[in-house]
Each structure stands twice: as structure tokens, then as C-alpha cells.
């Protein structure tokens, strides 16, 4: 059931014979260093350029006071463009593997699988949000503004897929392929990859003093996407689910100090980390169960 998604074949000369090919460790190490440096340096440069273009002072880039949500979202999300391009580029140039292999081990990328991940994740988030709204309605306030929502929606539909796909390229596409090379047990592969995914999120402004419970939350979500990737031998479900999570946070229900600026229909106070973490843990088996039939039918 759980095999390494990293299974590549390399043609030898003009012959039809193939041999297993795994890049040497120095290629992974060098590539990872280049990716992180290019992502951070390029991302900061794009943020500063976008902030200057919109006239947003540098000291306001964390909280974005009095900045339209779509502008704040653009400035924040544009930083993921370098990551989106550098991972596939190095996958082909440095690891000498085809770009398609970064996403799937099958003959072609399935957009139906991406939509499947999006729909299942949405089907979990929306009812749970509705239940919490019913039980704790006093914690929410109606913030919908049509004039702000439409430009934000355009940004969300263009740059959010880049942000979420870029993260999947790096964490589940690059790092997971490296860690799951067959030397470690699957449970350790899942833990390492999920932890690596959680670590950058510890710098999110909403985490504040809730580092331990926030780490469990992000690790749970990372484990869900990692297991789905290992089981499916592709990033497709993870790409769809990751986008659904971030998109619905931006347009449906958001919360104070969210790392992603939004023009959501409803806004709550500080994130309930305990409740959110319990929900995230419960979502893991539900998501894997709901995506299992489609995965199995397409693997036959």
C-alpha cells in the first residue's frame, strides 16, 4: 500500500533497457539549499517590489493596517512564485528527472484527482465550519464586502494555487521523494515530512504562544497530505486538498492574525487552537477514507 513515490526509470543510450535511477545525495543537498535560498531571497524581493508598487510601507507588511485585502494577499502570495518555479527547474536540471515525475508516477497528471482532493477537503471543512458557527455564533462577525471580495477572489484564484502547489512541490514533491528513498520505515518518513512541513508555519503570526499545539495541528495536516501522496504515488490529491483549505479560509471563514490576508464572509477572533487541532486529527482518517475509492479505481 505504502511505497516510495520516487520510482524513476532512466533510458540507457538508445536501447530500450531501463535501470533504476536515484540521484546522489549531494544533488538533493545542493538542490535543497538552492531552493530555500532562492525562495527566501526571491520572495523577499518580490514582496518589497509589490509593497512599493502599492505604496505599502515596509513596517506595515506584517499586519497590513488599512490595506485592501486583495493588495495584502497579492503582496503575501507573490513570495511563493520563486518556489513554484525553482523546484521543477532543479528537479529536471539537477536531479535529471522529468518534471512529470515530480507530480505523479503515472503516465500523465490527472486533474480529476486534483479536483477530487479539493472536493473532499471542502466537504469536510464546510460542514465543520457550519457546526462551529451554529454552536459558537457569538464568536463570529459578518464582514462580507462585495467591493473588496471580487478583487480578492481574482487574486485567490490566481496566486493561491501557486502558493499551495509550490508548497506541495517542495514538501511532498522534493523532500518526500528524498526522505522516502527506501531506507526509513514509512511511519518515520511520514513524521519527518510532516514535521518539516510544520516548521515554517511556526513563524505564522497566529501561532504566537501556542507553538506546541500549533505544531501538532500543522503536523496532522501534513501527515494527511503525506500519507495520501505515498498511497497515491502522486501529489494530485494533496495539491487539491491544500488549495481547498487555504481558499476556503480566505473566502468563507477567517480569523484574527491569519497568515493569509482574506476578504472572508465571516471573521472570528483568535484561532481556537485546541478545537482546530482536534478537528485536524479527526480529519486525517476521514480524508484518507473518502479519497481511497477513487485512488484504488484509478490504480487498477
Protein backbone atom coordinates (compact mmCIF):
# COMPACT_ATOMS: atom_id res chain seq x y z
CA UNK A 1 0.00 0.00 0.00
CA UNK A 2 2.66 2.50 1.01
CA UNK A 3 5.59 2.55 -1.36
CA UNK A 4 8.04 5.28 -2.15
CA UNK A 5 6.56 7.65 -4.72
CA UNK A 6 10.09 8.04 -6.04
CA UNK A 7 10.31 5.43 -8.75
CA UNK A 8 12.17 6.64 -11.79
CA UNK A 9 13.46 4.95 -14.90
CA UNK A 10 16.38 6.12 -16.96
CA UNK A 11 16.99 5.04 -20.53
CA UNK A 12 20.49 3.83 -21.31
CA UNK A 13 21.68 5.19 -24.63
CA UNK A 14 19.33 4.35 -27.46
CA UNK A 15 18.46 0.93 -26.12
CA UNK A 16 15.08 0.04 -24.68
CA UNK A 17 16.57 -1.26 -21.45
CA UNK A 18 15.99 0.69 -18.27
CA UNK A 19 17.56 0.81 -14.85
CA UNK A 20 16.51 2.19 -11.52
CA UNK A 21 17.88 5.66 -11.04
CA UNK A 22 18.23 7.53 -7.76
CA UNK A 23 20.09 10.85 -7.67
CA UNK A 24 23.12 11.00 -5.43
CA UNK A 25 22.68 12.61 -2.04
CA UNK A 26 24.81 15.64 -2.94
CA UNK A 27 22.27 16.55 -5.59
CA UNK A 28 19.46 16.53 -3.04
CA UNK A 29 21.51 18.55 -0.52
CA UNK A 30 22.65 21.12 -3.07
CA UNK A 31 19.19 21.38 -4.58
CA UNK A 32 17.51 21.87 -1.21
CA UNK A 33 19.95 24.64 -0.30
CA UNK A 34 19.40 26.39 -3.62
CA UNK A 35 15.62 26.08 -3.31
CA UNK A 36 15.50 27.57 0.19
CA UNK A 37 17.86 30.44 -0.68
CA UNK A 38 16.13 31.23 -3.98
CA UNK A 39 12.68 31.01 -2.36
CA UNK A 40 13.56 33.30 0.55
CA UNK A 41 15.68 35.83 -1.34
CA UNK A 42 13.40 35.94 -4.36
CA UNK A 43 10.29 36.01 -2.20
CA UNK A 44 11.52 38.96 -0.14
CA UNK A 45 12.48 40.84 -3.31
CA UNK A 46 9.01 40.32 -4.79
CA UNK A 47 7.29 41.32 -1.56
CA UNK A 48 9.26 44.56 -1.37
CA UNK A 49 8.64 45.29 -5.04
CA UNK A 50 4.90 44.67 -4.67
CA UNK A 51 4.72 46.73 -1.48
CA UNK A 52 6.47 49.62 -3.21
CA UNK A 53 4.10 49.35 -6.17
CA UNK A 54 1.03 49.54 -3.91
CA UNK A 55 2.56 52.18 -1.65
CA UNK A 56 2.61 50.00 1.46
CA UNK A 57 5.37 50.94 3.96
CA UNK A 58 7.74 48.13 4.94
CA UNK A 59 6.79 48.43 8.61
CA UNK A 60 3.17 47.57 7.73
CA UNK A 61 3.93 44.36 5.86
CA UNK A 62 3.11 42.09 8.81
CA UNK A 63 -0.28 43.44 9.83
CA UNK A 64 -1.35 45.38 6.70
CA UNK A 65 -3.38 48.07 8.51
CA UNK A 66 -5.79 49.91 6.19
CA UNK A 67 -4.61 47.89 3.16
CA UNK A 68 -7.26 46.34 0.91
CA UNK A 69 -7.35 42.54 1.39
CA UNK A 70 -6.61 41.84 -2.27
CA UNK A 71 -3.49 44.01 -2.16
CA UNK A 72 -2.32 42.37 1.08
CA UNK A 73 -2.98 38.94 -0.42
CA UNK A 74 -1.07 39.81 -3.58
CA UNK A 75 1.94 41.07 -1.60
CA UNK A 76 1.93 37.96 0.61
CA UNK A 77 1.33 35.31 -2.05
CA UNK A 78 3.70 36.71 -4.67
CA UNK A 79 6.58 35.48 -2.48
CA UNK A 80 5.78 31.86 -3.45
CA UNK A 81 6.35 32.40 -7.17
CA UNK A 82 10.12 31.66 -6.93
CA UNK A 83 9.41 28.39 -5.07
CA UNK A 84 6.82 27.42 -7.68
CA UNK A 85 9.38 27.63 -10.49
CA UNK A 86 12.68 26.66 -8.86
CA UNK A 87 11.61 23.19 -7.64
CA UNK A 88 10.55 21.85 -11.09
CA UNK A 89 13.57 23.53 -12.67
CA UNK A 90 16.06 21.83 -10.32
CA UNK A 91 14.13 18.56 -10.46
CA UNK A 92 14.87 18.44 -14.17
CA UNK A 93 18.27 20.14 -14.25
CA UNK A 94 19.95 18.92 -11.07
CA UNK A 95 18.21 15.62 -10.34
CA UNK A 96 17.95 14.88 -14.08
CA UNK A 97 14.38 13.63 -13.74
CA UNK A 98 11.35 14.53 -15.86
CA UNK A 99 9.06 17.24 -14.48
CA UNK A 100 6.03 14.92 -14.60
CA UNK A 101 7.73 12.61 -12.11
CA UNK A 102 7.62 15.44 -9.57
CA UNK A 103 3.82 15.26 -9.60
CA UNK A 104 2.93 11.67 -10.42
CA UNK A 105 4.43 8.26 -11.15
CA UNK A 106 1.73 7.54 -13.74
CA UNK A 107 1.63 8.27 -17.45
CA UNK A 108 0.02 11.69 -17.09
CA UNK A 109 -1.16 14.16 -14.48
CA UNK A 110 -4.81 13.66 -13.54
CA UNK A 111 -6.71 16.91 -12.97
CA UNK A 112 -9.65 14.78 -11.88
CA UNK A 113 -7.60 13.63 -8.90
CA UNK A 114 -6.76 17.24 -8.07
CA UNK A 115 -10.46 18.12 -8.12
CA UNK A 116 -11.18 15.05 -6.02
CA UNK A 117 -8.81 16.28 -3.31
CA UNK A 118 -10.36 19.76 -3.49
CA UNK A 119 -13.94 18.49 -3.25
CA UNK A 120 -13.28 16.05 -0.39
CA UNK A 121 -11.41 18.65 1.64
CA UNK A 122 -14.18 21.19 1.03
CA UNK A 123 -16.80 18.63 2.01
CA UNK A 124 -15.03 18.23 5.35
CA UNK A 125 -14.32 21.89 6.06
CA UNK A 126 -17.68 23.45 5.16
CA UNK A 127 -19.90 21.27 7.43
CA UNK A 128 -17.45 21.53 10.31
CA UNK A 129 -17.37 25.31 9.94
CA UNK A 130 -21.16 25.41 9.83
CA UNK A 131 -21.41 23.35 13.02
CA UNK A 132 -18.97 25.62 14.84
CA UNK A 133 -20.86 28.68 13.59
CA UNK A 134 -24.12 27.21 14.94
CA UNK A 135 -22.61 26.36 18.33
CA UNK A 136 -20.46 29.47 18.75
CA UNK A 137 -22.19 32.11 16.67
CA UNK A 138 -21.25 34.86 19.11
CA UNK A 139 -17.59 34.38 18.22
CA UNK A 140 -18.18 35.35 14.57
CA UNK A 141 -18.96 38.63 12.88
CA UNK A 142 -20.23 39.23 9.36
CA UNK A 143 -17.53 41.02 7.36
CA UNK A 144 -18.53 40.45 3.73
CA UNK A 145 -17.95 43.44 1.45
CA UNK A 146 -18.68 42.84 -2.22
CA UNK A 147 -16.39 45.65 -3.39
CA UNK A 148 -13.46 44.06 -1.55
CA UNK A 149 -14.44 40.46 -2.23
CA UNK A 150 -14.33 40.41 -6.04
CA UNK A 151 -10.74 41.66 -6.48
CA UNK A 152 -9.69 39.36 -3.63
CA UNK A 153 -11.36 36.41 -5.35
CA UNK A 154 -9.34 37.07 -8.51
CA UNK A 155 -6.10 37.06 -6.51
CA UNK A 156 -7.20 33.93 -4.62
CA UNK A 157 -7.92 32.06 -7.85
CA UNK A 158 -4.61 33.03 -9.44
CA UNK A 159 -1.94 33.25 -6.74
CA UNK A 160 -3.34 30.87 -4.11
CA UNK A 161 -2.95 27.83 -6.43
CA UNK A 162 0.64 28.91 -6.99
CA UNK A 163 1.26 29.16 -3.24
CA UNK A 164 -0.29 25.82 -2.32
CA UNK A 165 1.14 23.95 -5.33
CA UNK A 166 4.58 25.42 -4.68
CA UNK A 167 4.49 24.11 -1.11
CA UNK A 168 3.40 20.69 -2.37
CA UNK A 169 6.19 20.70 -4.97
CA UNK A 170 8.75 21.32 -2.22
CA UNK A 171 7.43 19.36 0.78
CA UNK A 172 5.66 16.42 -0.85
CA UNK A 173 7.39 16.52 -4.23
CA UNK A 174 11.03 17.26 -3.41
CA UNK A 175 11.59 16.50 0.27
CA UNK A 176 9.29 13.46 0.47
CA UNK A 177 10.96 11.86 -2.55
CA UNK A 178 14.29 12.35 -0.86
CA UNK A 179 13.25 11.04 2.57
CA UNK A 180 11.23 8.11 1.18
CA UNK A 181 14.12 6.56 -0.71
CA UNK A 182 13.52 3.18 0.93
CA UNK A 183 15.99 3.44 3.82
CA UNK A 184 13.48 4.51 6.50
CA UNK A 185 10.24 2.92 7.77
CA UNK A 186 7.10 4.57 6.47
CA UNK A 187 5.97 5.89 9.88
CA UNK A 188 9.29 7.74 10.25
CA UNK A 189 9.04 9.09 6.70
CA UNK A 190 5.58 10.48 7.47
CA UNK A 191 6.74 12.01 10.76
CA UNK A 192 9.83 13.65 9.25
CA UNK A 193 7.99 15.07 6.27
CA UNK A 194 5.06 16.29 8.38
CA UNK A 195 7.44 17.95 10.84
CA UNK A 196 9.35 19.68 8.05
CA UNK A 197 6.03 20.95 6.72
CA UNK A 198 5.01 22.25 10.15
CA UNK A 199 8.24 24.07 10.98
CA UNK A 200 7.88 27.08 8.61
CA UNK A 201 4.31 27.56 9.82
CA UNK A 202 5.60 28.19 13.34
CA UNK A 203 6.52 31.68 12.13
CA UNK A 204 2.88 32.48 11.27
CA UNK A 205 1.55 35.44 13.29
CA UNK A 206 -1.47 33.47 14.58
CA UNK A 207 0.76 30.89 16.30
CA UNK A 208 2.04 33.30 18.97
CA UNK A 209 2.30 31.38 22.27
CA UNK A 210 0.65 28.19 21.02
CA UNK A 211 3.72 26.61 19.48
CA UNK A 212 3.25 23.05 20.73
CA UNK A 213 -0.44 22.70 19.87
CA UNK A 214 0.12 24.55 16.57
CA UNK A 215 2.92 22.15 15.72
CA UNK A 216 0.58 19.21 16.32
CA UNK A 217 -2.06 20.90 14.14
CA UNK A 218 0.23 21.51 11.17
CA UNK A 219 1.91 18.12 11.58
CA UNK A 220 -1.50 16.42 11.46
CA UNK A 221 -2.44 18.23 8.26
CA UNK A 222 1.00 17.47 6.83
CA UNK A 223 0.67 13.79 7.75
CA UNK A 224 -2.68 13.59 5.98
CA UNK A 225 -1.21 15.00 2.77
CA UNK A 226 1.95 12.92 3.08
CA UNK A 227 0.10 9.63 3.55
CA UNK A 228 -2.19 10.45 0.64
CA UNK A 229 0.85 11.16 -1.54
CA UNK A 230 2.61 7.94 -0.54
CA UNK A 231 -0.52 5.89 -1.06
CA UNK A 232 -1.45 7.51 -4.35
CA UNK A 233 2.14 7.86 -5.62
CA UNK A 234 1.27 11.38 -6.74
CA UNK A 235 0.78 14.93 -5.46
CA UNK A 236 -2.61 15.35 -7.08
CA UNK A 237 -4.83 14.78 -4.05
CA UNK A 238 -2.52 16.87 -1.86
CA UNK A 239 -2.49 19.77 -4.34
CA UNK A 240 -6.29 19.86 -4.46
CA UNK A 241 -6.79 19.50 -0.71
CA UNK A 242 -4.17 22.10 0.18
CA UNK A 243 -5.76 24.65 -2.15
CA UNK A 244 -9.25 23.93 -0.78
CA UNK A 245 -8.07 24.55 2.79
CA UNK A 246 -6.40 27.88 2.04
CA UNK A 247 -9.07 29.05 -0.40
CA UNK A 248 -11.96 28.45 2.00
CA UNK A 249 -10.05 30.18 4.78
CA UNK A 250 -9.76 33.22 2.55
CA UNK A 251 -13.34 33.42 1.26
CA UNK A 252 -15.53 31.64 3.82
CA UNK A 253 -14.34 31.93 7.42
CA UNK A 254 -11.08 33.52 8.51
CA UNK A 255 -9.70 34.53 11.88
CA UNK A 256 -7.72 37.27 13.54
CA UNK A 257 -3.97 37.38 12.75
CA UNK A 258 -4.27 34.82 9.95
CA UNK A 259 -1.05 34.43 7.96
CA UNK A 260 -3.09 34.76 4.75
CA UNK A 261 -4.97 38.05 4.28
CA UNK A 262 -8.61 37.46 3.38
CA UNK A 263 -11.94 39.03 2.44
CA UNK A 264 -13.93 36.24 4.05
CA UNK A 265 -17.68 36.14 4.58
CA UNK A 266 -17.17 35.71 8.32
CA UNK A 267 -14.40 36.60 10.72
CA UNK A 268 -13.70 35.10 14.14
CA UNK A 269 -11.40 36.18 16.93
CA UNK A 270 -8.21 34.32 17.74
CA UNK A 271 -7.97 30.83 16.34
CA UNK A 272 -9.16 28.13 18.74
CA UNK A 273 -6.03 26.03 18.53
CA UNK A 274 -7.27 23.16 20.70
CA UNK A 275 -10.53 22.76 18.81
CA UNK A 276 -8.82 23.19 15.45
CA UNK A 277 -6.16 20.63 16.31
CA UNK A 278 -8.71 18.05 17.45
CA UNK A 279 -10.62 18.64 14.20
CA UNK A 280 -7.42 18.32 12.14
CA UNK A 281 -6.56 14.99 13.77
CA UNK A 282 -10.06 13.65 13.13
CA UNK A 283 -9.94 14.81 9.52
CA UNK A 284 -6.90 12.68 8.71
CA UNK A 285 -8.66 9.26 8.61
CA UNK A 286 -11.80 10.81 7.10
CA UNK A 287 -9.91 12.38 4.21
CA UNK A 288 -7.91 9.21 3.56
CA UNK A 289 -11.07 7.10 3.64
CA UNK A 290 -13.04 9.41 1.35
CA UNK A 291 -10.23 9.57 -1.19
CA UNK A 292 -9.45 5.84 -1.10
CA UNK A 293 -12.12 4.58 -3.58
CA UNK A 294 -11.03 6.96 -6.34
CA UNK A 295 -7.37 6.13 -5.76
CA UNK A 296 -7.95 2.41 -5.90
CA UNK A 297 -10.16 2.57 -9.00
CA UNK A 298 -7.57 4.60 -10.90
CA UNK A 299 -4.67 2.39 -9.88
CA UNK A 300 -6.18 -0.74 -11.45
